[in-house]
Amino acid sequence: MNCNLSPIILFAFNRPDVLRNTIQSLLLNEEAKSSDLYVFVDGPRSNKSGEDEKVKEVQEYVKSIKGFKSLHYTFSEKNKGLGNSIIAGVSQIINQYGKAIVLEDDLVFAKNFLSYMNQGLDRYEKEDKVFSICGYSNKVKIPHGYEYDSYFCSRSSSWGWATWADRWNSVDWELKEWSRYSEMAKPFNKWGGSDCFKMLNDWKNGRNHSWAIRFCFSQFLQDKVSLFPTVSKVQNDGFDGQGTNCKKWSRFKYEFDYRGEKSFKFPAKTDVDKHLYKEAMRYHSIGIRIWSKIMYLIYR
């Protein structure tokens, strides 16, 4: 690989077992040994009995990680929450390197994940239209004759992704122009799915702490796209009922890449394929979301 490898930023909390799975899958990537790893571990919540011990176990494991070019870790004494942790941690590292691959501790990666992410970052660094590179993809039907291993779509995924410092620093994390933004519900939902504006509005009103919806809203405002693989390089093991933001059931279905192929054919242009856009966005349709709520009640 000719590109300069991006640093890997990993956010962890209170689940040592899933973190071990995440690290072990990363180490199966040949590029891991040449990559700098930065791990941020959030502090325990004061109202959660026994969480302090779990966080300490995570911290001890993090100190023992080997196999990367370098290991750096930051342990927060207080609980910041995932959103605040990611914004602060990514801002710190991405402004040192100019780019970063960002992960959470309940993800498992294909053997070609790091190769795909680094090649994508290198390929589209100068393409201002591209806001992020995503390692996860919902299962989509590839149209006949489609010749690429990835496709462009709106709404970046937060399950194993990467971006560049200039794109990251363009995000208005405080939503300072809310009086204007609050009038954009219909176009935002049309762009990214029927649940977009509700999540944004819920953040504004303190009902969630999502960094990702603010990142996507900035992407919407700038009319930019994200790159997705046609076959997912990431599987999310967070749907076990223990994750902070995931239920025991997910409406998102994917096909995982077990092949390990590292030769990728990226789209020559940043145009959005209408068929693939429709395929990807159906996971955010009103009908699928209603079905999801029913399933959440069953599997809660």
C-alpha atoms as a PDB file:
ATOM      1  CA  MET A   1       0.000   0.000   0.000  1.00  0.00           C
ATOM      2  CA  ASN A   2       1.453   3.349  -1.025  1.00  0.00           C
ATOM      3  CA  CYS A   3      -0.695   5.607   1.116  1.00  0.00           C
ATOM      4  CA  ASN A   4       0.455   6.959   4.457  1.00  0.00           C
ATOM      5  CA  LEU A   5      -1.443   4.950   7.070  1.00  0.00           C
ATOM      6  CA  SER A   6      -4.014   6.805   9.125  1.00  0.00           C
ATOM      7  CA  PRO A   7      -4.030   6.694  12.936  1.00  0.00           C
ATOM      8  CA  ILE A   8      -6.726   4.513  14.488  1.00  0.00           C
ATOM      9  CA  ILE A   9      -8.834   6.073  17.253  1.00  0.00           C
ATOM     10  CA  LEU A  10     -10.775   3.603  19.393  1.00  0.00           C
ATOM     11  CA  PHE A  11     -13.378   4.521  22.013  1.00  0.00           C
ATOM     12  CA  ALA A  12     -14.038   2.070  24.841  1.00  0.00           C
ATOM     13  CA  PHE A  13     -16.005   2.064  28.073  1.00  0.00           C
ATOM     14  CA  ASN A  14     -17.076  -0.828  30.296  1.00  0.00           C
ATOM     15  CA  ARG A  15     -17.062  -4.030  28.223  1.00  0.00           C
ATOM     16  CA  PRO A  16     -13.678  -5.758  28.262  1.00  0.00           C
ATOM     17  CA  ASP A  17     -14.845  -8.833  26.322  1.00  0.00           C
ATOM     18  CA  VAL A  18     -16.162  -6.968  23.283  1.00  0.00           C
ATOM     19  CA  LEU A  19     -13.075  -4.732  23.331  1.00  0.00           C
ATOM     20  CA  ARG A  20     -10.847  -7.816  23.131  1.00  0.00           C
ATOM     21  CA  ASN A  21     -12.820  -9.035  20.112  1.00  0.00           C
ATOM     22  CA  THR A  22     -12.420  -5.640  18.467  1.00  0.00           C
ATOM     23  CA  ILE A  23      -8.653  -5.567  19.021  1.00  0.00           C
ATOM     24  CA  GLN A  24      -8.169  -9.176  17.928  1.00  0.00           C
ATOM     25  CA  SER A  25      -9.993  -8.530  14.658  1.00  0.00           C
ATOM     26  CA  LEU A  26      -7.924  -5.395  14.025  1.00  0.00           C
ATOM     27  CA  LEU A  27      -4.718  -7.345  14.585  1.00  0.00           C
ATOM     28  CA  LEU A  28      -5.720  -9.720  11.787  1.00  0.00           C
ATOM     29  CA  ASN A  29      -5.272  -6.740   9.476  1.00  0.00           C
ATOM     30  CA  GLU A  30      -1.704  -6.688   8.163  1.00  0.00           C
ATOM     31  CA  GLU A  31      -1.688  -2.877   8.350  1.00  0.00           C
ATOM     32  CA  ALA A  32      -2.190  -2.889  12.143  1.00  0.00           C
ATOM     33  CA  LYS A  33       1.525  -3.352  12.841  1.00  0.00           C
ATOM     34  CA  SER A  34       2.249  -0.131  10.922  1.00  0.00           C
ATOM     35  CA  SER A  35      -0.631   1.876  12.452  1.00  0.00           C
ATOM     36  CA  ASP A  36      -0.673   4.136  15.507  1.00  0.00           C
ATOM     37  CA  LEU A  37      -3.492   3.222  17.920  1.00  0.00           C
ATOM     38  CA  TYR A  38      -5.112   5.775  20.228  1.00  0.00           C
ATOM     39  CA  VAL A  39      -7.566   4.411  22.806  1.00  0.00           C
ATOM     40  CA  PHE A  40      -9.918   6.608  24.833  1.00  0.00           C
ATOM     41  CA  VAL A  41     -11.683   4.965  27.774  1.00  0.00           C
ATOM     42  CA  ASP A  42     -14.592   6.877  29.324  1.00  0.00           C
ATOM     43  CA  GLY A  43     -14.998   7.040  33.098  1.00  0.00           C
ATOM     44  CA  PRO A  44     -17.651   5.130  35.084  1.00  0.00           C
ATOM     45  CA  ARG A  45     -21.090   6.576  35.733  1.00  0.00           C
ATOM     46  CA  SER A  46     -21.621   7.481  39.390  1.00  0.00           C
ATOM     47  CA  ASN A  47     -25.092   5.889  39.542  1.00  0.00           C
ATOM     48  CA  LYS A  48     -24.090   2.492  38.105  1.00  0.00           C
ATOM     49  CA  SER A  49     -23.087  -0.032  40.746  1.00  0.00           C
ATOM     50  CA  GLY A  50     -20.080  -2.142  39.794  1.00  0.00           C
ATOM     51  CA  GLU A  51     -19.227  -0.144  36.721  1.00  0.00           C
ATOM     52  CA  ASP A  52     -16.031   1.196  38.225  1.00  0.00           C
ATOM     53  CA  GLU A  53     -14.584  -2.337  38.338  1.00  0.00           C
ATOM     54  CA  LYS A  54     -15.519  -3.026  34.714  1.00  0.00           C
ATOM     55  CA  VAL A  55     -13.933   0.214  33.554  1.00  0.00           C
ATOM     56  CA  LYS A  56     -10.751  -0.620  35.474  1.00  0.00           C
ATOM     57  CA  GLU A  57     -10.658  -4.030  33.779  1.00  0.00           C
ATOM     58  CA  VAL A  58     -10.925  -2.307  30.407  1.00  0.00           C
ATOM     59  CA  GLN A  59      -8.122   0.070  31.366  1.00  0.00           C
ATOM     60  CA  GLU A  60      -5.818  -2.782  32.385  1.00  0.00           C
ATOM     61  CA  TYR A  61      -6.494  -4.599  29.144  1.00  0.00           C
ATOM     62  CA  VAL A  62      -5.798  -1.470  27.104  1.00  0.00           C
ATOM     63  CA  LYS A  63      -2.391  -1.110  28.775  1.00  0.00           C
ATOM     64  CA  SER A  64      -1.521  -4.647  27.627  1.00  0.00           C
ATOM     65  CA  ILE A  65      -2.375  -4.198  23.924  1.00  0.00           C
ATOM     66  CA  LYS A  66       0.463  -5.099  21.577  1.00  0.00           C
ATOM     67  CA  GLY A  67       0.848  -5.510  17.836  1.00  0.00           C
ATOM     68  CA  PHE A  68       0.433  -1.929  16.627  1.00  0.00           C
ATOM     69  CA  LYS A  69       3.138   0.531  15.588  1.00  0.00           C
ATOM     70  CA  SER A  70       2.467   2.493  18.767  1.00  0.00           C
ATOM     71  CA  LEU A  71      -0.109   2.526  21.568  1.00  0.00           C
ATOM     72  CA  HIS A  72      -1.448   5.657  23.237  1.00  0.00           C
ATOM     73  CA  TYR A  73      -4.285   5.728  25.750  1.00  0.00           C
ATOM     74  CA  THR A  74      -6.309   8.271  27.686  1.00  0.00           C
ATOM     75  CA  PHE A  75      -8.455   7.291  30.683  1.00  0.00           C
ATOM     76  CA  SER A  76     -11.138   9.733  31.762  1.00  0.00           C
ATOM     77  CA  GLU A  77     -11.787   9.956  35.507  1.00  0.00           C
ATOM     78  CA  LYS A  78     -15.348  11.176  34.977  1.00  0.00           C
ATOM     79  CA  ASN A  79     -17.995   9.920  32.590  1.00  0.00           C
ATOM     80  CA  LYS A  80     -18.170  12.227  29.581  1.00  0.00           C
ATOM     81  CA  GLY A  81     -20.617  10.184  27.529  1.00  0.00           C
ATOM     82  CA  LEU A  82     -19.874   8.768  24.092  1.00  0.00           C
ATOM     83  CA  GLY A  83     -20.757  11.902  22.129  1.00  0.00           C
ATOM     84  CA  ASN A  84     -18.510  14.248  24.090  1.00  0.00           C
ATOM     85  CA  SER A  85     -15.729  11.656  24.216  1.00  0.00           C
ATOM     86  CA  ILE A  86     -15.706  11.192  20.458  1.00  0.00           C
ATOM     87  CA  ILE A  87     -15.802  14.888  19.626  1.00  0.00           C
ATOM     88  CA  ALA A  88     -12.926  15.678  21.999  1.00  0.00           C
ATOM     89  CA  GLY A  89     -10.826  12.616  21.163  1.00  0.00           C
ATOM     90  CA  VAL A  90     -11.175  12.802  17.402  1.00  0.00           C
ATOM     91  CA  SER A  91     -10.517  16.559  17.393  1.00  0.00           C
ATOM     92  CA  GLN A  92      -7.296  16.024  19.312  1.00  0.00           C
ATOM     93  CA  ILE A  93      -5.855  13.308  17.079  1.00  0.00           C
ATOM     94  CA  ILE A  94      -7.198  14.263  13.665  1.00  0.00           C
ATOM     95  CA  ASN A  95      -5.640  17.715  13.895  1.00  0.00           C
ATOM     96  CA  GLN A  96      -2.253  16.083  14.494  1.00  0.00           C
ATOM     97  CA  TYR A  97      -2.450  13.737  11.506  1.00  0.00           C
ATOM     98  CA  GLY A  98      -4.913  15.419   9.155  1.00  0.00           C
ATOM     99  CA  LYS A  99      -7.053  12.268   8.993  1.00  0.00           C
ATOM    100  CA  ALA A 100      -8.224   9.422  11.234  1.00  0.00           C
ATOM    101  CA  ILE A 101     -10.030   6.078  11.314  1.00  0.00           C
ATOM    102  CA  VAL A 102     -12.567   6.095  14.155  1.00  0.00           C
ATOM    103  CA  LEU A 103     -13.898   2.973  15.896  1.00  0.00           C
ATOM    104  CA  GLU A 104     -15.995   1.904  18.862  1.00  0.00           C
ATOM    105  CA  ASP A 105     -15.451  -1.114  21.078  1.00  0.00           C
ATOM    106  CA  ASP A 106     -18.327  -3.325  19.895  1.00  0.00           C
ATOM    107  CA  LEU A 107     -17.222  -3.634  16.273  1.00  0.00           C
ATOM    108  CA  VAL A 108     -15.493  -6.561  14.572  1.00  0.00           C
ATOM    109  CA  PHE A 109     -13.519  -5.962  11.402  1.00  0.00           C
ATOM    110  CA  ALA A 110     -12.741  -7.868   8.215  1.00  0.00           C
ATOM    111  CA  LYS A 111      -9.104  -8.662   7.438  1.00  0.00           C
ATOM    112  CA  ASN A 112      -9.113  -6.025   4.718  1.00  0.00           C
ATOM    113  CA  PHE A 113     -10.809  -3.292   6.752  1.00  0.00           C
ATOM    114  CA  LEU A 114      -7.701  -1.168   7.355  1.00  0.00           C
ATOM    115  CA  SER A 115      -6.569  -1.579   3.765  1.00  0.00           C
ATOM    116  CA  TYR A 116      -9.965  -0.454   2.480  1.00  0.00           C
ATOM    117  CA  MET A 117     -10.171   2.520   4.819  1.00  0.00           C
ATOM    118  CA  ASN A 118      -6.657   3.764   4.108  1.00  0.00           C
ATOM    119  CA  GLN A 119      -7.041   3.344   0.363  1.00  0.00           C
ATOM    120  CA  GLY A 120     -10.334   5.244   0.497  1.00  0.00           C
ATOM    121  CA  LEU A 121      -8.789   8.080   2.506  1.00  0.00           C
ATOM    122  CA  ASP A 122      -5.907   8.306   0.071  1.00  0.00           C
ATOM    123  CA  ARG A 123      -8.098   8.080  -3.033  1.00  0.00           C
ATOM    124  CA  TYR A 124     -10.596  10.793  -2.079  1.00  0.00           C
ATOM    125  CA  GLU A 125      -8.524  13.147   0.081  1.00  0.00           C
ATOM    126  CA  LYS A 126      -8.595  15.847  -2.610  1.00  0.00           C
ATOM    127  CA  GLU A 127     -12.235  15.219  -3.525  1.00  0.00           C
ATOM    128  CA  ASP A 128     -13.986  17.888  -1.490  1.00  0.00           C
ATOM    129  CA  LYS A 129     -17.383  16.341  -2.252  1.00  0.00           C
ATOM    130  CA  VAL A 130     -16.509  13.283  -0.103  1.00  0.00           C
ATOM    131  CA  PHE A 131     -17.234  13.808   3.599  1.00  0.00           C
ATOM    132  CA  SER A 132     -16.266  10.394   5.002  1.00  0.00           C
ATOM    133  CA  ILE A 133     -15.199   6.823   4.277  1.00  0.00           C
ATOM    134  CA  CYS A 134     -17.433   4.157   5.868  1.00  0.00           C
ATOM    135  CA  GLY A 135     -16.392   0.577   6.595  1.00  0.00           C
ATOM    136  CA  TYR A 136     -19.905  -0.662   7.370  1.00  0.00           C
ATOM    137  CA  SER A 137     -22.628  -1.046   4.762  1.00  0.00           C
ATOM    138  CA  ASN A 138     -26.206  -2.244   4.937  1.00  0.00           C
ATOM    139  CA  LYS A 139     -26.939  -5.208   2.663  1.00  0.00           C
ATOM    140  CA  VAL A 140     -27.851  -3.812  -0.745  1.00  0.00           C
ATOM    141  CA  LYS A 141     -28.727  -5.342  -4.098  1.00  0.00           C
ATOM    142  CA  ILE A 142     -26.036  -4.392  -6.572  1.00  0.00           C
ATOM    143  CA  PRO A 143     -27.480  -3.319  -9.931  1.00  0.00           C
ATOM    144  CA  HIS A 144     -26.549  -5.393 -12.978  1.00  0.00           C
ATOM    145  CA  GLY A 145     -23.362  -4.123 -14.565  1.00  0.00           C
ATOM    146  CA  TYR A 146     -22.196  -2.113 -11.555  1.00  0.00           C
ATOM    147  CA  GLU A 147     -18.405  -2.400 -11.724  1.00  0.00           C
ATOM    148  CA  TYR A 148     -17.177  -0.937  -8.431  1.00  0.00           C
ATOM    149  CA  ASP A 149     -16.524  -2.383  -4.957  1.00  0.00           C
ATOM    150  CA  SER A 150     -18.066   0.648  -3.254  1.00  0.00           C
ATOM    151  CA  TYR A 151     -20.689   3.308  -3.821  1.00  0.00           C
ATOM    152  CA  PHE A 152     -21.507   6.837  -2.731  1.00  0.00           C
ATOM    153  CA  CYS A 153     -24.500   7.687  -0.588  1.00  0.00           C
ATOM    154  CA  SER A 154     -25.651  10.356   1.832  1.00  0.00           C
ATOM    155  CA  ARG A 155     -25.647   9.965   5.600  1.00  0.00           C
ATOM    156  CA  SER A 156     -22.334   8.705   6.928  1.00  0.00           C
ATOM    157  CA  SER A 157     -22.303   5.560   9.076  1.00  0.00           C
ATOM    158  CA  SER A 158     -20.788   5.723  12.574  1.00  0.00           C
ATOM    159  CA  TRP A 159     -19.850   2.009  12.654  1.00  0.00           C
ATOM    160  CA  GLY A 160     -16.200   2.121  11.626  1.00  0.00           C
ATOM    161  CA  TRP A 161     -15.549   5.252   9.611  1.00  0.00           C
ATOM    162  CA  ALA A 162     -12.871   7.753   8.676  1.00  0.00           C
ATOM    163  CA  THR A 163     -12.530  11.366   7.614  1.00  0.00           C
ATOM    164  CA  TRP A 164     -10.099  14.223   7.192  1.00  0.00           C
ATOM    165  CA  ALA A 165      -9.410  17.171   9.498  1.00  0.00           C
ATOM    166  CA  ASP A 166     -10.914  19.797   7.193  1.00  0.00           C
ATOM    167  CA  ARG A 167     -14.230  17.914   6.949  1.00  0.00           C
ATOM    168  CA  TRP A 168     -14.313  17.193  10.695  1.00  0.00           C
ATOM    169  CA  ASN A 169     -13.564  20.789  11.632  1.00  0.00           C
ATOM    170  CA  SER A 170     -16.390  22.059   9.411  1.00  0.00           C
ATOM    171  CA  VAL A 171     -19.059  20.580  11.724  1.00  0.00           C
ATOM    172  CA  ASP A 172     -21.167  22.963  13.834  1.00  0.00           C
ATOM    173  CA  TRP A 173     -21.356  20.818  16.969  1.00  0.00           C
ATOM    174  CA  GLU A 174     -23.403  23.395  18.871  1.00  0.00           C
ATOM    175  CA  LEU A 175     -25.995  23.898  16.093  1.00  0.00           C
ATOM    176  CA  LYS A 176     -25.629  27.638  16.622  1.00  0.00           C
ATOM    177  CA  GLU A 177     -28.076  28.585  13.864  1.00  0.00           C
ATOM    178  CA  TRP A 178     -30.908  26.471  15.236  1.00  0.00           C
ATOM    179  CA  SER A 179     -33.603  28.963  14.268  1.00  0.00           C
ATOM    180  CA  ARG A 180     -32.640  28.318  10.636  1.00  0.00           C
ATOM    181  CA  TYR A 181     -31.927  24.618  11.031  1.00  0.00           C
ATOM    182  CA  SER A 182     -35.294  23.951  12.687  1.00  0.00           C
ATOM    183  CA  GLU A 183     -37.019  24.748   9.388  1.00  0.00           C
ATOM    184  CA  MET A 184     -35.124  22.017   7.533  1.00  0.00           C
ATOM    185  CA  ALA A 185     -36.935  18.903   8.759  1.00  0.00           C
ATOM    186  CA  LYS A 186     -38.380  17.806   5.403  1.00  0.00           C
ATOM    187  CA  PRO A 187     -35.268  18.281   3.259  1.00  0.00           C
ATOM    188  CA  PHE A 188     -33.042  16.696   5.922  1.00  0.00           C
ATOM    189  CA  ASN A 189     -35.295  13.620   6.145  1.00  0.00           C
ATOM    190  CA  LYS A 190     -35.520  13.387   2.371  1.00  0.00           C
ATOM    191  CA  TRP A 191     -31.719  13.490   2.169  1.00  0.00           C
ATOM    192  CA  GLY A 192     -30.874  11.006   4.904  1.00  0.00           C
ATOM    193  CA  GLY A 193     -33.960   9.070   5.991  1.00  0.00           C
ATOM    194  CA  SER A 194     -37.188   9.586   7.908  1.00  0.00           C
ATOM    195  CA  ASP A 195     -35.536   9.494  11.345  1.00  0.00           C
ATOM    196  CA  CYS A 196     -32.912  12.201  10.739  1.00  0.00           C
ATOM    197  CA  PHE A 197     -34.574  15.375  11.961  1.00  0.00           C
ATOM    198  CA  LYS A 198     -36.130  13.741  15.016  1.00  0.00           C
ATOM    199  CA  MET A 199     -32.681  12.664  16.202  1.00  0.00           C
ATOM    200  CA  LEU A 200     -31.300  16.131  15.558  1.00  0.00           C
ATOM    201  CA  ASN A 201     -34.183  17.779  17.387  1.00  0.00           C
ATOM    202  CA  ASP A 202     -33.859  15.289  20.256  1.00  0.00           C
ATOM    203  CA  TRP A 203     -30.189  16.253  20.649  1.00  0.00           C
ATOM    204  CA  LYS A 204     -31.108  19.934  20.713  1.00  0.00           C
ATOM    205  CA  ASN A 205     -33.651  19.226  23.460  1.00  0.00           C
ATOM    206  CA  GLY A 206     -31.361  17.026  25.554  1.00  0.00           C
ATOM    207  CA  ARG A 207     -33.012  13.697  24.725  1.00  0.00           C
ATOM    208  CA  ASN A 208     -29.893  12.147  23.208  1.00  0.00           C
ATOM    209  CA  HIS A 209     -26.157  12.843  23.082  1.00  0.00           C
ATOM    210  CA  SER A 210     -25.476  11.792  19.494  1.00  0.00           C
ATOM    211  CA  TRP A 211     -22.413  13.253  17.825  1.00  0.00           C
ATOM    212  CA  ALA A 212     -23.219  11.294  14.641  1.00  0.00           C
ATOM    213  CA  ILE A 213     -26.487  13.069  13.807  1.00  0.00           C
ATOM    214  CA  ARG A 214     -24.721  16.432  14.040  1.00  0.00           C
ATOM    215  CA  PHE A 215     -21.950  15.129  11.794  1.00  0.00           C
ATOM    216  CA  CYS A 216     -24.568  13.966   9.263  1.00  0.00           C
ATOM    217  CA  PHE A 217     -26.448  17.251   9.470  1.00  0.00           C
ATOM    218  CA  SER A 218     -23.282  19.137   8.595  1.00  0.00           C
ATOM    219  CA  GLN A 219     -22.811  16.752   5.680  1.00  0.00           C
ATOM    220  CA  PHE A 220     -26.381  17.516   4.573  1.00  0.00           C
ATOM    221  CA  LEU A 221     -25.826  21.277   4.794  1.00  0.00           C
ATOM    222  CA  GLN A 222     -22.707  20.979   2.651  1.00  0.00           C
ATOM    223  CA  ASP A 223     -24.329  18.570   0.162  1.00  0.00           C
ATOM    224  CA  LYS A 224     -21.558  15.998   0.470  1.00  0.00           C
ATOM    225  CA  VAL A 225     -21.431  12.206   0.174  1.00  0.00           C
ATOM    226  CA  SER A 226     -19.906   9.216   1.959  1.00  0.00           C
ATOM    227  CA  LEU A 227     -18.215   6.164   0.489  1.00  0.00           C
ATOM    228  CA  PHE A 228     -19.604   2.737   1.425  1.00  0.00           C
ATOM    229  CA  PRO A 229     -18.332  -0.745   0.500  1.00  0.00           C
ATOM    230  CA  THR A 230     -20.704  -2.979  -1.432  1.00  0.00           C
ATOM    231  CA  VAL A 231     -19.861  -5.721   1.103  1.00  0.00           C
ATOM    232  CA  SER A 232     -19.457  -4.597   4.720  1.00  0.00           C
ATOM    233  CA  LYS A 233     -15.976  -4.591   6.256  1.00  0.00           C
ATOM    234  CA  VAL A 234     -17.579  -4.228   9.714  1.00  0.00           C
ATOM    235  CA  GLN A 235     -19.994  -6.225  11.819  1.00  0.00           C
ATOM    236  CA  ASN A 236     -21.612  -4.659  14.859  1.00  0.00           C
ATOM    237  CA  ASP A 237     -21.615  -6.881  17.957  1.00  0.00           C
ATOM    238  CA  GLY A 238     -23.264  -4.175  20.040  1.00  0.00           C
ATOM    239  CA  PHE A 239     -26.786  -5.592  19.818  1.00  0.00           C
ATOM    240  CA  ASP A 240     -26.477  -7.678  22.958  1.00  0.00           C
ATOM    241  CA  GLY A 241     -28.480  -5.390  25.226  1.00  0.00           C
ATOM    242  CA  GLN A 242     -25.366  -4.124  26.994  1.00  0.00           C
ATOM    243  CA  GLY A 243     -24.374  -1.308  24.648  1.00  0.00           C
ATOM    244  CA  THR A 244     -25.102   2.288  25.595  1.00  0.00           C
ATOM    245  CA  ASN A 245     -26.929   3.141  22.367  1.00  0.00           C
ATOM    246  CA  CYS A 246     -27.957  -0.239  20.850  1.00  0.00           C
ATOM    247  CA  LYS A 247     -30.907  -2.531  21.530  1.00  0.00           C
ATOM    248  CA  LYS A 248     -30.967  -6.353  21.420  1.00  0.00           C
ATOM    249  CA  TRP A 249     -32.354  -6.299  17.884  1.00  0.00           C
ATOM    250  CA  SER A 250     -31.379  -4.322  14.810  1.00  0.00           C
ATOM    251  CA  ARG A 251     -33.193  -3.455  11.596  1.00  0.00           C
ATOM    252  CA  PHE A 252     -29.836  -3.136   9.869  1.00  0.00           C
ATOM    253  CA  LYS A 253     -28.788  -6.213   7.879  1.00  0.00           C
ATOM    254  CA  TYR A 254     -25.401  -6.681   6.271  1.00  0.00           C
ATOM    255  CA  GLU A 255     -23.218  -9.074   4.322  1.00  0.00           C
ATOM    256  CA  PHE A 256     -19.770  -9.412   5.931  1.00  0.00           C
ATOM    257  CA  ASP A 257     -16.588  -9.577   3.851  1.00  0.00           C
ATOM    258  CA  TYR A 258     -14.732 -12.810   4.658  1.00  0.00           C
ATOM    259  CA  ARG A 259     -12.608 -12.795   1.494  1.00  0.00           C
ATOM    260  CA  GLY A 260      -9.860 -10.407   2.556  1.00  0.00           C
ATOM    261  CA  GLU A 261      -9.332  -9.038  -0.957  1.00  0.00           C
ATOM    262  CA  LYS A 262      -7.281  -5.817  -0.920  1.00  0.00           C
ATOM    263  CA  SER A 263      -7.576  -4.756  -4.526  1.00  0.00           C
ATOM    264  CA  PHE A 264     -10.523  -2.366  -4.684  1.00  0.00           C
ATOM    265  CA  LYS A 265     -12.111  -0.633  -7.628  1.00  0.00           C
ATOM    266  CA  PHE A 266     -13.352   2.724  -6.347  1.00  0.00           C
ATOM    267  CA  PRO A 267     -15.903   4.846  -8.226  1.00  0.00           C
ATOM    268  CA  ALA A 268     -14.234   7.240 -10.645  1.00  0.00           C
ATOM    269  CA  LYS A 269     -16.856   9.912  -9.936  1.00  0.00           C
ATOM    270  CA  THR A 270     -18.605  10.954  -6.722  1.00  0.00           C
ATOM    271  CA  ASP A 271     -22.088  10.634  -8.209  1.00  0.00           C
ATOM    272  CA  VAL A 272     -24.772   8.824  -6.201  1.00  0.00           C
ATOM    273  CA  ASP A 273     -26.205   5.744  -7.914  1.00  0.00           C
ATOM    274  CA  LYS A 274     -30.009   6.074  -7.633  1.00  0.00           C
ATOM    275  CA  HIS A 275     -30.605   2.336  -7.239  1.00  0.00           C
ATOM    276  CA  LEU A 276     -28.016   1.907  -4.489  1.00  0.00           C
ATOM    277  CA  TYR A 277     -29.209   5.060  -2.748  1.00  0.00           C
ATOM    278  CA  LYS A 278     -32.758   3.658  -2.647  1.00  0.00           C
ATOM    279  CA  GLU A 279     -31.469   0.299  -1.405  1.00  0.00           C
ATOM    280  CA  ALA A 280     -29.453   1.896   1.412  1.00  0.00           C
ATOM    281  CA  MET A 281     -32.136   4.375   2.456  1.00  0.00           C
ATOM    282  CA  ARG A 282     -34.912   1.771   2.773  1.00  0.00           C
ATOM    283  CA  TYR A 283     -33.460   0.826   6.182  1.00  0.00           C
ATOM    284  CA  HIS A 284     -34.512   4.285   7.371  1.00  0.00           C
ATOM    285  CA  SER A 285     -38.037   4.200   5.921  1.00  0.00           C
ATOM    286  CA  ILE A 286     -41.049   4.818   8.141  1.00  0.00           C
ATOM    287  CA  GLY A 287     -42.355   1.280   7.648  1.00  0.00           C
ATOM    288  CA  ILE A 288     -39.074  -0.374   8.641  1.00  0.00           C
ATOM    289  CA  ARG A 289     -38.756   1.927  11.647  1.00  0.00           C
ATOM    290  CA  ILE A 290     -42.260   1.035  12.878  1.00  0.00           C
ATOM    291  CA  TRP A 291     -41.439  -2.660  12.552  1.00  0.00           C
ATOM    292  CA  SER A 292     -38.214  -2.003  14.480  1.00  0.00           C
ATOM    293  CA  LYS A 293     -40.084  -0.438  17.376  1.00  0.00           C
ATOM    294  CA  ILE A 294     -42.264  -3.531  17.632  1.00  0.00           C
ATOM    295  CA  MET A 295     -39.202  -5.764  17.621  1.00  0.00           C
ATOM    296  CA  TYR A 296     -37.484  -3.586  20.239  1.00  0.00           C
ATOM    297  CA  LEU A 297     -40.448  -4.218  22.556  1.00  0.00           C
ATOM    298  CA  ILE A 298     -40.204  -7.971  21.972  1.00  0.00           C
ATOM    299  CA  TYR A 299     -36.428  -8.147  22.476  1.00  0.00           C
ATOM    300  CA  ARG A 300     -36.013  -5.527  25.164  1.00  0.00           C
END
